[in-house]
Amino acid sequence: MTERLRRLRRRELPRDTAQLAPFLIGKILVHDHPHGRLSGRIVETEAYVVGDAAAHAFRGETPRNRSLFLERGHAYVYFIYGCWYALNVSGEVAGTGAGVLLRALEPFDGIPLMQRWRGTDRLTDLARGPGRLATALDIDRRYDGIDLCTDRRLWLAVDAAAVPPSRIGRSVRIGISREMHRKLRFFERDNSFVSGSRHLNGNTPPIVSARGRD
């Protein structure tokens, strides 16, 4: 896997958060950890767009959410429900707050380490859900604000040998209380590593994956 990976360049990332979310499906998240490489294929995302009442950026920039206002491609990591971290990718131009929550990965490199940190041998449960994802890859506030296009520790990649996902579904988002009707959750259909109910994952029409633009 390692020799097939190419770092994603910022110019490849769509300049719109709602397009960035499906674009990231099929891309690789890599953590070059002191104990070894951890990586997985992104199979589920949620967009939190400009003006979205469910977004952390909705009420403006604060010390906690400052990373959401960085140029697209930066990490925003926050602690949620007092028990786990979640990783987002900033999605707009500098000064505009919006981002994409990474909800699930299909694990590739470093699975024994992920199993140890997650306390389970069940492969499909290692990184299914944002809290599990961050725990499996040992991601916490240390990585808040880093550039996922240039950082040597945590970065986004393309698998040069992989076939792009052909069936991306969309649905309403999960676990929020505002703007619940917005269909801004994207996932690879028929992938067992995706979180969410069968109703959400099975009854949604496929979409055409968004592509980056210069």
Protein backbone atom coordinates (compact mmCIF):
# COMPACT_ATOMS: atom_id res chain seq x y z
CA MET A 1 0.00 0.00 0.00
CA THR A 2 2.72 2.51 1.03
CA GLU A 3 4.40 2.85 -2.35
CA ARG A 4 1.02 3.38 -4.05
CA LEU A 5 0.08 6.43 -2.00
CA ARG A 6 0.35 9.96 -3.35
CA ARG A 7 -0.27 12.97 -1.15
CA LEU A 8 -3.36 15.00 -2.05
CA ARG A 9 -2.51 18.49 -3.24
CA ARG A 10 -4.61 21.41 -2.05
CA ARG A 11 -5.43 22.45 -5.60
CA GLU A 12 -7.15 19.07 -6.05
CA LEU A 13 -9.59 19.73 -3.21
CA PRO A 14 -12.93 21.26 -4.24
CA ARG A 15 -13.38 24.82 -3.01
CA ASP A 16 -16.83 24.05 -1.64
CA THR A 17 -17.50 22.00 1.50
CA ALA A 18 -20.58 20.25 0.07
CA GLN A 19 -18.44 19.04 -2.86
CA LEU A 20 -15.42 18.20 -0.71
CA ALA A 21 -17.42 15.67 1.37
CA PRO A 22 -18.17 13.23 -1.50
CA PHE A 23 -14.76 13.94 -3.07
CA LEU A 24 -13.06 12.52 0.03
CA ILE A 25 -14.86 9.18 -0.28
CA GLY A 26 -12.25 6.66 -1.47
CA LYS A 27 -9.28 8.82 -0.43
CA ILE A 28 -6.79 7.59 2.20
CA LEU A 29 -6.16 9.05 5.65
CA VAL A 30 -2.62 8.34 6.83
CA HIS A 31 -1.13 8.74 10.30
CA ASP A 32 2.62 8.14 10.37
CA HIS A 33 2.67 7.36 14.06
CA PRO A 34 5.83 6.78 16.16
CA HIS A 35 4.69 3.15 16.54
CA GLY A 36 4.12 2.66 12.82
CA ARG A 37 1.93 3.73 9.94
CA LEU A 38 -1.83 3.75 10.40
CA SER A 39 -4.07 4.26 7.41
CA GLY A 40 -7.55 3.68 6.09
CA ARG A 41 -9.80 4.39 3.15
CA ILE A 42 -12.42 7.06 3.82
CA VAL A 43 -15.88 5.55 3.27
CA GLU A 44 -18.21 8.01 5.03
CA THR A 45 -18.26 11.79 5.51
CA GLU A 46 -20.61 14.61 6.55
CA ALA A 47 -20.49 18.19 5.31
CA TYR A 48 -21.11 21.14 7.64
CA VAL A 49 -21.44 24.05 5.26
CA VAL A 50 -21.39 27.85 5.50
CA GLY A 51 -24.47 29.13 7.32
CA ASP A 52 -25.31 25.67 8.67
CA ALA A 53 -26.89 25.91 12.14
CA ALA A 54 -25.54 22.43 12.97
CA ALA A 55 -21.94 23.49 12.25
CA HIS A 56 -19.43 24.46 14.93
CA ALA A 57 -18.60 27.56 12.88
CA PHE A 58 -22.18 28.84 12.81
CA ARG A 59 -21.73 31.49 15.54
CA GLY A 60 -18.33 32.62 14.31
CA GLU A 61 -14.70 31.96 15.07
CA THR A 62 -13.60 31.03 18.60
CA PRO A 63 -10.38 29.62 20.07
CA ARG A 64 -11.98 26.15 19.95
CA ASN A 65 -13.09 26.18 16.31
CA ARG A 66 -10.35 28.35 14.81
CA SER A 67 -9.06 25.52 12.62
CA LEU A 68 -12.38 25.38 10.75
CA PHE A 69 -11.59 28.85 9.43
CA LEU A 70 -8.25 27.82 7.93
CA GLU A 71 -7.83 27.24 4.20
CA ARG A 72 -9.34 23.97 2.96
CA GLY A 73 -7.36 20.87 3.81
CA HIS A 74 -6.55 21.57 7.47
CA ALA A 75 -7.50 19.35 10.42
CA TYR A 76 -10.09 20.46 12.95
CA VAL A 77 -10.10 18.09 15.94
CA TYR A 78 -12.53 18.49 18.81
CA PHE A 79 -13.56 16.56 21.93
CA ILE A 80 -17.20 15.52 21.99
CA TYR A 81 -19.57 14.16 24.64
CA GLY A 82 -16.70 14.05 27.11
CA CYS A 83 -15.44 10.74 25.77
CA TRP A 84 -13.91 10.90 22.27
CA TYR A 85 -12.34 13.05 19.58
CA ALA A 86 -13.55 13.70 16.04
CA LEU A 87 -11.56 14.71 12.96
CA ASN A 88 -12.80 17.22 10.38
CA VAL A 89 -11.24 18.66 7.23
CA SER A 90 -11.66 22.41 6.71
CA GLY A 91 -13.51 23.06 3.47
CA GLU A 92 -13.41 26.70 2.39
CA VAL A 93 -11.09 29.66 1.83
CA ALA A 94 -9.19 31.09 4.79
CA GLY A 95 -11.52 33.08 7.03
CA THR A 96 -14.67 31.13 6.14
CA GLY A 97 -15.71 28.45 8.63
CA ALA A 98 -16.96 25.09 7.31
CA GLY A 99 -15.73 21.53 7.24
CA VAL A 100 -16.18 17.84 6.55
CA LEU A 101 -16.47 15.34 9.39
CA LEU A 102 -14.72 12.03 8.67
CA ARG A 103 -17.20 9.43 9.90
CA ALA A 104 -15.72 6.06 8.92
CA LEU A 105 -12.64 4.36 7.49
CA GLU A 106 -11.92 0.97 6.01
CA PRO A 107 -8.64 0.12 7.82
CA PHE A 108 -5.51 -0.72 5.83
CA ASP A 109 -2.15 -0.21 7.55
CA GLY A 110 -1.55 -0.69 11.26
CA ILE A 111 -4.58 -2.85 12.04
CA PRO A 112 -2.96 -4.56 15.09
CA LEU A 113 -2.31 -1.13 16.64
CA MET A 114 -5.88 -0.04 15.90
CA GLN A 115 -7.19 -3.21 17.53
CA ARG A 116 -5.12 -2.57 20.65
CA TRP A 117 -6.26 1.05 21.02
CA ARG A 118 -9.88 0.24 20.27
CA GLY A 119 -9.92 -2.85 22.47
CA THR A 120 -11.57 -5.03 19.82
CA ASP A 121 -10.54 -7.49 17.14
CA ARG A 122 -13.68 -6.88 15.10
CA LEU A 123 -12.36 -5.30 11.90
CA THR A 124 -15.58 -3.58 10.80
CA ASP A 125 -15.90 -1.83 14.18
CA LEU A 126 -12.37 -0.39 14.35
CA ALA A 127 -13.13 2.93 12.65
CA ARG A 128 -16.89 2.90 12.02
CA GLY A 129 -18.07 6.20 13.49
CA PRO A 130 -16.09 9.41 14.10
CA GLY A 131 -15.08 8.64 17.69
CA ARG A 132 -13.88 5.15 16.83
CA LEU A 133 -12.01 6.52 13.81
CA ALA A 134 -10.04 9.02 15.91
CA THR A 135 -9.33 6.46 18.63
CA ALA A 136 -8.16 3.82 16.13
CA LEU A 137 -5.71 6.26 14.52
CA ASP A 138 -4.70 7.90 17.84
CA ILE A 139 -5.88 11.35 16.74
CA ASP A 140 -6.52 14.01 19.38
CA ARG A 141 -6.12 17.77 19.89
CA ARG A 142 -2.39 17.51 19.21
CA TYR A 143 -3.31 17.43 15.52
CA ASP A 144 -5.80 20.29 15.54
CA GLY A 145 -4.86 22.86 12.90
CA ILE A 146 -2.27 20.85 11.01
CA ASP A 147 -2.15 20.99 7.23
CA LEU A 148 -3.33 17.62 5.90
CA CYS A 149 -1.79 18.46 2.51
CA THR A 150 1.75 19.03 3.81
CA ASP A 151 2.16 17.57 7.31
CA ARG A 152 4.42 14.54 7.66
CA ARG A 153 2.43 12.95 10.51
CA LEU A 154 -1.22 13.12 9.49
CA TRP A 155 -2.11 13.54 5.83
CA LEU A 156 -4.56 12.82 3.02
CA ALA A 157 -3.59 10.62 0.08
CA VAL A 158 -4.75 9.01 -3.13
CA ASP A 159 -4.18 5.31 -3.75
CA ALA A 160 -2.82 5.33 -7.29
CA ALA A 161 -3.84 1.71 -7.89
CA ALA A 162 -7.38 1.93 -6.49
CA VAL A 163 -10.54 2.10 -8.56
CA PRO A 164 -12.55 5.22 -7.63
CA PRO A 165 -15.83 4.48 -5.83
CA SER A 166 -18.62 4.18 -8.37
CA ARG A 167 -21.59 4.19 -5.99
CA ILE A 168 -21.74 7.01 -3.47
CA GLY A 169 -24.96 7.41 -1.51
CA ARG A 170 -26.19 10.43 0.41
CA SER A 171 -28.54 10.87 3.32
CA VAL A 172 -29.43 13.15 6.20
CA ARG A 173 -26.74 13.55 8.82
CA ILE A 174 -26.52 11.49 12.01
CA GLY A 175 -26.74 12.55 15.65
CA ILE A 176 -27.58 16.23 15.26
CA SER A 177 -30.56 18.28 16.45
CA ARG A 178 -30.47 21.17 13.94
CA GLU A 179 -31.03 21.18 10.19
CA MET A 180 -31.59 17.43 10.30
CA HIS A 181 -33.29 17.44 6.88
CA ARG A 182 -30.15 18.38 4.95
CA LYS A 183 -28.74 15.49 2.92
CA LEU A 184 -25.09 16.20 3.56
CA ARG A 185 -23.90 12.76 4.63
CA PHE A 186 -22.05 10.78 1.96
CA PHE A 187 -20.95 7.16 1.99
CA GLU A 188 -19.75 4.34 -0.20
CA ARG A 189 -22.73 2.11 -0.81
CA ASP A 190 -22.51 -1.59 0.08
CA ASN A 191 -19.40 -1.04 2.21
CA SER A 192 -19.53 -2.88 5.56
CA PHE A 193 -17.30 -0.31 7.26
CA VAL A 194 -19.90 2.48 6.94
CA SER A 195 -21.80 3.51 10.08
CA GLY A 196 -25.50 4.32 10.29
CA SER A 197 -28.68 2.31 9.99
CA ARG A 198 -29.71 0.05 7.14
CA HIS A 199 -32.54 2.46 6.43
CA LEU A 200 -30.12 5.36 5.86
CA ASN A 201 -27.60 3.30 3.92
CA GLY A 202 -29.93 1.21 1.82
CA ASN A 203 -32.71 3.49 0.64
CA THR A 204 -30.78 6.47 -0.67
CA PRO A 205 -30.11 7.13 -4.35
CA PRO A 206 -26.49 7.04 -5.58
CA ILE A 207 -24.85 10.29 -6.63
CA VAL A 208 -22.00 11.14 -8.94
CA SER A 209 -18.84 11.76 -6.94
CA ALA A 210 -17.68 15.39 -6.95
CA ARG A 211 -14.32 16.08 -8.56
CA GLY A 212 -11.69 18.62 -7.57
CA ARG A 213 -11.02 21.67 -9.67
CA ASP A 214 -8.08 24.00 -10.06
